[in-house]
Each structure stands twice: as C-alpha cells, then as structure tokens.
Amino acid sequence: MTVNTLNSARRRLLALAGFLGAGVRAAPVVPLRIGLAPYLSPAALLAAFRPIREHLERSLARPVEMVTAKDFAALVEATQRGDYDAVLLPAHIARLAVADWRYEALANVHDPVTVQVLVRGGGPIKTVADLRGGKAGMLDALSLTATVGRQWLQEQGLASTVAVVALPSINSALISLDRGEVDAVVAAASQLVNLPPSTPRTERVLATVRDIPGPIYVASSKLAPADVASLRAALLAYRPDPSRPTSTTNAVLQAVTAEQLAPLEPFAAQARRALAQRP
C-alpha cells in the first residue's frame, strides 16, 4: 500500500469519526423549571430569588429557570397541570400538592413566619376597632397569609364589616395603603424584606395575627427520582448571606416530610373547598 493510499484511508476514517461524533452530540440540557409563589411583583420576585437560582445552577450543573404566576390561583392551576418541575408553595398548598397531586416535599423555608396587620403610620387607624367599615388588603385568598388574615377578622368580630381587597403583591399592597385605597394590609413580616426601593414604607404594625409555617419547595412526580434527590440536596446546601435579614430568599432550608405537613391539613382543607367552588 502506497503512502498516498494510507493518507487517503486515514482521511476517510477521520471523516467517518467526525460524522459519527456529530451524530451522537449531546442534546442541549433542558432547564429545571421552578415556580415561585407570587407575593412580590414579578421583577422584584425574580431578583430576590437570583442567589438561590445561581446556587442551584452551580450545584446541579444545569440551567434553572424560575417563573411565577399572576396570582396564587394561577400558580395552583399551573401546579395541578404539572407545568413545573418543582414549585415553592404556601405551606398549606404544599400539603395539598403532596396529599392530592403526587408532589414530593423537598425543603421548607424558615419557620415560623409572623403575619402582621399593617396600617399607615400617622393615619386614622389607631386601634383594631377603627378598622370597622374599612378595607383590608391581602394577597389572593389561596395564600396562607390571607387565609389566617380572614380568620383574624372573624375572631375580632370584623368579618362582616371589613371589606377584603385582593391585591397582586405585597409591594402593590403597600402602595395602596400609602394612597389610602385600603385601611390595612395583612402580610408576613418576611415578605417585607425584598421590597423594591420604590415601595413606600409608611406602614406601622397594628397587630400580630399569628405565626405560620414558611413556604415549602415540592417536586413534581414527573421529575426523575435522581433529580429529586439532587434538587433536595442542593436546596439543603444553600447558605444565606449573614449580612442580610432572614427572608424567604435568604434562609437556611430544612428537610421536610409528608408527616410534618399533616398539621396543615385544616388549612389545606379550606384551600381544597375554595378550589372546588371556583368556576
């Protein structure tokens, strides 16, 4: 065999190897899609969760896409449809997802969360009784803060005299409070940490409603078991920035089991009934 023949054969083999290599080239990695409870405006929410997203991308060595919904009702509908690989839900909806929709609990955010009734500093509301005949701004009725906020109004004998106004986010709620469009806002103290700088901070605490469990990450049943385990490990390995206040986006995450969610069943039952009544 001549040198030219050898070189020609070598070129054919290299070309064949290149063709085969192109044929088995790895497909693009599909991003892990995580839904977020919409307690802030979308831009503020995604900015606040950026450190967690970047931590997960480094830990999992794959892109992570975090998305939200227009309100809690839309988030719940998307969760039921299986639009997310994982989702951060209010604790009582997480209980519902695990019990009814075949989701698996991953980790929960700092616990407990203090729910407060906020009024405008220097405004006319000085006591709880002054709320009579007024308006209370809350997140969507499916949020846990709104659930306990409505219960609080009932306990104070105000349920029939205070109109509940559903507002899309905590920052928009504080804007409405500052403008006098609502007389009070029900919010978790931790939800006030990541507000956009433009949010008016004229509020003062009128009353403390109660402590509630923090939101919980759950994984869809469509996510492979190995991916569920990796995501859980990555979430539990997240370390918050000690120079920043504790919040949903800046906290040590804790392992959570289905058994630990059981005490949330009364709240989950309320959400179940509310969902059944929706058109």
Protein backbone atom coordinates (compact mmCIF):
# COMPACT_ATOMS: atom_id res chain seq x y z
CA MET A 1 0.00 0.00 0.00
CA THR A 2 1.44 3.37 -1.02
CA VAL A 3 1.82 6.41 1.22
CA ASN A 4 -0.89 8.21 -0.75
CA THR A 5 -3.27 5.30 -0.24
CA LEU A 6 -2.57 5.28 3.50
CA ASN A 7 -3.19 9.01 3.73
CA SER A 8 -6.41 8.69 1.79
CA ALA A 9 -7.62 5.89 4.06
CA ARG A 10 -6.69 7.92 7.13
CA ARG A 11 -8.68 10.91 5.85
CA ARG A 12 -11.74 8.71 5.25
CA LEU A 13 -11.53 7.32 8.80
CA LEU A 14 -11.21 10.81 10.28
CA ALA A 15 -14.19 12.00 8.24
CA LEU A 16 -16.23 8.99 9.39
CA ALA A 17 -15.28 9.64 13.01
CA GLY A 18 -16.34 13.27 12.67
CA PHE A 19 -19.66 12.26 11.15
CA LEU A 20 -20.36 9.74 13.92
CA GLY A 21 -19.32 12.25 16.56
CA ALA A 22 -21.74 14.81 15.17
CA GLY A 23 -24.48 12.21 15.22
CA VAL A 24 -24.11 11.50 18.92
CA ARG A 25 -23.53 15.08 20.02
CA ALA A 26 -25.21 15.65 23.39
CA ALA A 27 -28.60 17.36 23.25
CA PRO A 28 -28.93 20.76 24.98
CA VAL A 29 -29.61 20.46 28.71
CA VAL A 30 -33.24 21.24 29.48
CA PRO A 31 -33.57 23.88 32.22
CA LEU A 32 -35.07 22.87 35.54
CA ARG A 33 -38.30 24.88 35.80
CA ILE A 34 -39.23 26.13 39.27
CA GLY A 35 -42.44 28.02 40.04
CA LEU A 36 -42.49 30.72 42.70
CA ALA A 37 -45.38 31.94 44.86
CA PRO A 38 -46.21 35.47 43.60
CA TYR A 39 -46.03 37.53 46.80
CA LEU A 40 -43.95 40.27 45.13
CA SER A 41 -44.19 41.82 41.69
CA PRO A 42 -42.52 39.55 39.09
CA ALA A 43 -39.38 41.66 38.62
CA ALA A 44 -38.83 42.04 42.36
CA LEU A 45 -39.52 38.35 42.97
CA LEU A 46 -37.09 37.05 40.36
CA ALA A 47 -34.42 39.49 41.52
CA ALA A 48 -34.84 38.34 45.12
CA PHE A 49 -34.53 34.66 44.15
CA ARG A 50 -31.48 35.18 41.95
CA PRO A 51 -28.96 33.98 44.62
CA ILE A 52 -30.88 30.71 45.10
CA ARG A 53 -31.21 30.20 41.34
CA GLU A 54 -27.49 30.72 40.79
CA HIS A 55 -26.68 28.38 43.69
CA LEU A 56 -28.89 25.67 42.19
CA GLU A 57 -27.32 26.08 38.75
CA ARG A 58 -23.85 25.64 40.21
CA SER A 59 -24.87 22.69 42.38
CA LEU A 60 -26.87 20.86 39.72
CA ALA A 61 -24.64 21.81 36.77
CA ARG A 62 -27.70 22.65 34.68
CA PRO A 63 -29.69 25.79 33.88
CA VAL A 64 -32.52 26.69 36.26
CA GLU A 65 -35.48 28.75 35.13
CA MET A 66 -37.56 30.40 37.84
CA VAL A 67 -41.02 31.65 36.88
CA THR A 68 -44.07 32.94 38.67
CA ALA A 69 -47.80 33.40 38.04
CA LYS A 70 -50.16 36.35 38.04
CA ASP A 71 -51.68 35.25 41.37
CA PHE A 72 -51.90 32.29 43.73
CA ALA A 73 -54.90 30.84 41.92
CA ALA A 74 -52.93 30.76 38.65
CA LEU A 75 -49.94 29.25 40.47
CA VAL A 76 -52.12 26.48 41.89
CA GLU A 77 -53.66 25.76 38.49
CA ALA A 78 -50.20 25.53 36.89
CA THR A 79 -49.05 23.25 39.70
CA GLN A 80 -52.03 20.95 39.18
CA ARG A 81 -51.29 20.81 35.43
CA GLY A 82 -47.68 19.86 36.13
CA ASP A 83 -46.19 22.95 34.48
CA TYR A 84 -43.25 22.99 36.90
CA ASP A 85 -40.52 20.51 37.81
CA ALA A 86 -40.62 21.98 41.31
CA VAL A 87 -42.53 24.81 42.92
CA LEU A 88 -42.37 26.97 46.05
CA LEU A 89 -45.85 26.94 47.58
CA PRO A 90 -47.52 28.31 50.69
CA ALA A 91 -47.30 25.58 53.32
CA HIS A 92 -50.99 24.62 53.19
CA ILE A 93 -50.96 24.36 49.38
CA ALA A 94 -47.78 22.28 49.62
CA ARG A 95 -49.71 19.91 51.89
CA LEU A 96 -52.42 19.76 49.23
CA ALA A 97 -49.86 19.13 46.47
CA VAL A 98 -48.31 16.23 48.38
CA ALA A 99 -51.61 14.71 49.51
CA ASP A 100 -53.65 15.19 46.33
CA TRP A 101 -51.37 15.89 43.35
CA ARG A 102 -48.48 13.42 43.82
CA TYR A 103 -45.82 16.00 44.61
CA GLU A 104 -42.91 15.25 46.93
CA ALA A 105 -41.88 17.60 49.74
CA LEU A 106 -38.30 18.84 49.41
CA ALA A 107 -37.47 21.61 51.89
CA ASN A 108 -39.14 24.38 53.80
CA VAL A 109 -38.14 27.96 54.39
CA HIS A 110 -37.52 29.40 57.85
CA ASP A 111 -40.26 28.58 60.29
CA PRO A 112 -42.27 30.26 61.70
CA VAL A 113 -43.34 33.34 59.75
CA THR A 114 -45.11 36.13 61.63
CA VAL A 115 -48.25 37.53 59.98
CA GLN A 116 -48.99 41.16 60.79
CA VAL A 117 -51.72 43.73 60.23
CA LEU A 118 -50.14 46.91 58.87
CA VAL A 119 -51.70 50.37 58.83
CA ARG A 120 -50.45 53.74 57.66
CA GLY A 121 -48.22 55.46 60.16
CA GLY A 122 -49.88 58.68 61.31
CA GLY A 123 -53.14 57.56 59.70
CA PRO A 124 -56.60 57.42 61.27
CA ILE A 125 -56.44 53.74 62.31
CA LYS A 126 -55.19 53.66 65.89
CA THR A 127 -56.88 50.52 67.22
CA VAL A 128 -58.25 47.28 65.77
CA ALA A 129 -61.79 48.58 66.31
CA ASP A 130 -61.03 51.51 64.00
CA LEU A 131 -60.92 49.07 61.07
CA ARG A 132 -64.70 48.70 61.27
CA GLY A 133 -66.23 49.76 57.97
CA GLY A 134 -62.84 49.89 56.26
CA LYS A 135 -60.88 47.86 53.71
CA ALA A 136 -58.14 45.29 54.34
CA GLY A 137 -55.73 44.48 51.54
CA MET A 138 -54.47 40.90 51.29
CA LEU A 139 -52.90 38.59 48.75
CA ASP A 140 -55.08 36.11 46.84
CA ALA A 141 -57.45 34.14 49.07
CA LEU A 142 -55.41 30.97 48.40
CA SER A 143 -52.35 32.48 50.10
CA LEU A 144 -51.80 31.40 53.70
CA THR A 145 -51.46 35.00 54.91
CA ALA A 146 -54.91 35.81 53.50
CA THR A 147 -56.34 32.61 54.99
CA VAL A 148 -55.23 33.49 58.51
CA GLY A 149 -55.97 37.18 57.91
CA ARG A 150 -59.61 36.41 57.21
CA GLN A 151 -59.75 34.20 60.28
CA TRP A 152 -58.32 37.05 62.35
CA LEU A 153 -61.01 39.44 61.10
CA GLN A 154 -63.63 36.90 62.14
CA GLU A 155 -62.05 36.48 65.58
CA GLN A 156 -62.12 40.26 66.04
CA GLY A 157 -65.78 40.44 65.05
CA LEU A 158 -64.91 42.40 61.93
CA ALA A 159 -65.55 39.85 59.17
CA SER A 160 -68.91 41.36 58.23
CA THR A 161 -67.79 44.98 58.44
CA VAL A 162 -64.32 44.98 56.82
CA ALA A 163 -64.12 44.50 53.06
CA VAL A 164 -61.24 42.28 51.96
CA VAL A 165 -59.47 43.55 48.83
CA ALA A 166 -57.30 41.04 46.92
CA LEU A 167 -54.07 42.71 45.79
CA PRO A 168 -51.49 41.21 43.39
CA SER A 169 -48.38 41.68 45.55
CA ILE A 170 -47.13 42.98 48.87
CA ASN A 171 -45.43 45.95 47.24
CA SER A 172 -48.64 46.94 45.44
CA ALA A 173 -50.49 46.47 48.75
CA LEU A 174 -48.18 48.94 50.49
CA ILE A 175 -48.69 51.41 47.64
CA SER A 176 -52.46 51.09 48.11
CA LEU A 177 -52.03 51.57 51.86
CA ASP A 178 -49.91 54.70 51.35
CA ARG A 179 -52.52 56.14 48.97
CA GLY A 180 -55.36 55.43 51.38
CA GLU A 181 -57.02 52.96 49.00
CA VAL A 182 -57.04 50.36 51.78
CA ASP A 183 -57.00 50.93 55.53
CA ALA A 184 -54.84 47.93 56.42
CA VAL A 185 -52.64 45.29 54.83
CA VAL A 186 -52.13 41.73 56.04
CA ALA A 187 -48.61 40.48 55.29
CA ALA A 188 -45.90 38.22 56.65
CA ALA A 189 -43.00 40.12 58.19
CA SER A 190 -40.58 38.17 55.97
CA GLN A 191 -42.42 39.39 52.85
CA LEU A 192 -41.35 42.96 53.63
CA VAL A 193 -37.63 42.23 53.26
CA ASN A 194 -37.19 42.17 49.48
CA LEU A 195 -39.46 45.04 48.51
CA PRO A 196 -38.37 47.23 45.56
CA PRO A 197 -36.76 50.52 46.69
CA SER A 198 -39.66 52.47 45.19
CA THR A 199 -42.15 50.87 47.61
CA PRO A 200 -43.48 53.42 50.13
CA ARG A 201 -42.64 52.34 53.68
CA THR A 202 -45.12 54.39 55.65
CA GLU A 203 -46.62 51.41 57.46
CA ARG A 204 -46.69 50.54 61.14
CA VAL A 205 -47.74 47.31 62.82
CA LEU A 206 -51.25 47.49 64.25
CA ALA A 207 -51.49 43.87 65.38
CA THR A 208 -49.82 40.48 65.12
CA VAL A 209 -52.14 37.83 63.73
CA ARG A 210 -50.19 34.62 64.35
CA ASP A 211 -47.15 32.63 63.28
CA ILE A 212 -47.48 30.35 60.27
CA PRO A 213 -45.13 27.85 58.59
CA GLY A 214 -42.91 29.24 55.86
CA PRO A 215 -43.38 28.26 52.20
CA ILE A 216 -42.26 24.83 51.03
CA TYR A 217 -40.50 23.56 47.91
CA VAL A 218 -42.14 20.50 46.39
CA ALA A 219 -41.12 18.39 43.38
CA SER A 220 -43.36 17.10 40.61
CA SER A 221 -43.85 13.37 40.16
CA LYS A 222 -42.61 13.77 36.56
CA LEU A 223 -39.14 14.64 37.86
CA ALA A 224 -36.83 11.60 37.92
CA PRO A 225 -36.02 10.29 41.43
CA ALA A 226 -32.32 11.03 40.95
CA ASP A 227 -33.14 14.62 40.00
CA VAL A 228 -35.45 14.96 43.01
CA ALA A 229 -32.65 13.78 45.31
CA SER A 230 -30.14 16.15 43.70
CA LEU A 231 -32.50 19.11 43.96
CA ARG A 232 -33.28 18.37 47.60
CA ALA A 233 -29.56 18.13 48.42
CA ALA A 234 -28.85 21.39 46.60
CA LEU A 235 -31.64 23.23 48.42
CA LEU A 236 -30.46 21.96 51.80
CA ALA A 237 -26.90 23.04 50.98
CA TYR A 238 -27.93 26.65 50.31
CA ARG A 239 -26.33 29.09 52.73
CA PRO A 240 -27.87 32.54 53.22
CA ASP A 241 -25.96 35.79 53.32
CA PRO A 242 -25.44 36.57 57.04
CA SER A 243 -25.23 40.29 56.30
CA ARG A 244 -28.83 40.31 55.05
CA PRO A 245 -32.03 39.82 57.07
CA THR A 246 -33.72 36.45 57.08
CA SER A 247 -36.41 36.07 54.45
CA THR A 248 -37.90 33.50 52.11
CA THR A 249 -34.94 34.04 49.79
CA ASN A 250 -32.27 34.28 52.47
CA ALA A 251 -32.65 31.46 54.94
CA VAL A 252 -31.28 28.03 55.78
CA LEU A 253 -33.65 25.48 54.27
CA GLN A 254 -34.78 22.48 56.27
CA ALA A 255 -35.76 18.98 55.23
CA VAL A 256 -39.49 18.34 55.41
CA THR A 257 -41.52 15.14 55.23
CA ALA A 258 -45.13 14.38 54.40
CA GLU A 259 -45.72 13.59 58.08
CA GLN A 260 -44.58 17.09 59.07
CA LEU A 261 -47.16 18.52 56.71
CA ALA A 262 -50.06 16.71 58.41
CA PRO A 263 -50.86 19.52 60.91
CA LEU A 264 -51.53 21.80 57.93
CA GLU A 265 -54.49 19.71 56.83
CA PRO A 266 -57.16 22.08 58.27
CA PHE A 267 -55.76 24.93 56.15
CA ALA A 268 -55.34 22.59 53.17
CA ALA A 269 -58.99 21.55 53.55
CA GLN A 270 -60.04 25.20 53.29
CA ALA A 271 -57.99 25.57 50.10
CA ARG A 272 -59.48 22.34 48.74
CA ARG A 273 -63.01 23.68 49.29
CA ALA A 274 -62.11 27.05 47.75
CA LEU A 275 -60.71 25.34 44.65
CA ALA A 276 -63.81 23.16 44.33
CA GLN A 277 -66.02 26.26 44.30
CA ARG A 278 -64.09 28.00 41.53
CA PRO A 279 -65.81 28.02 38.11
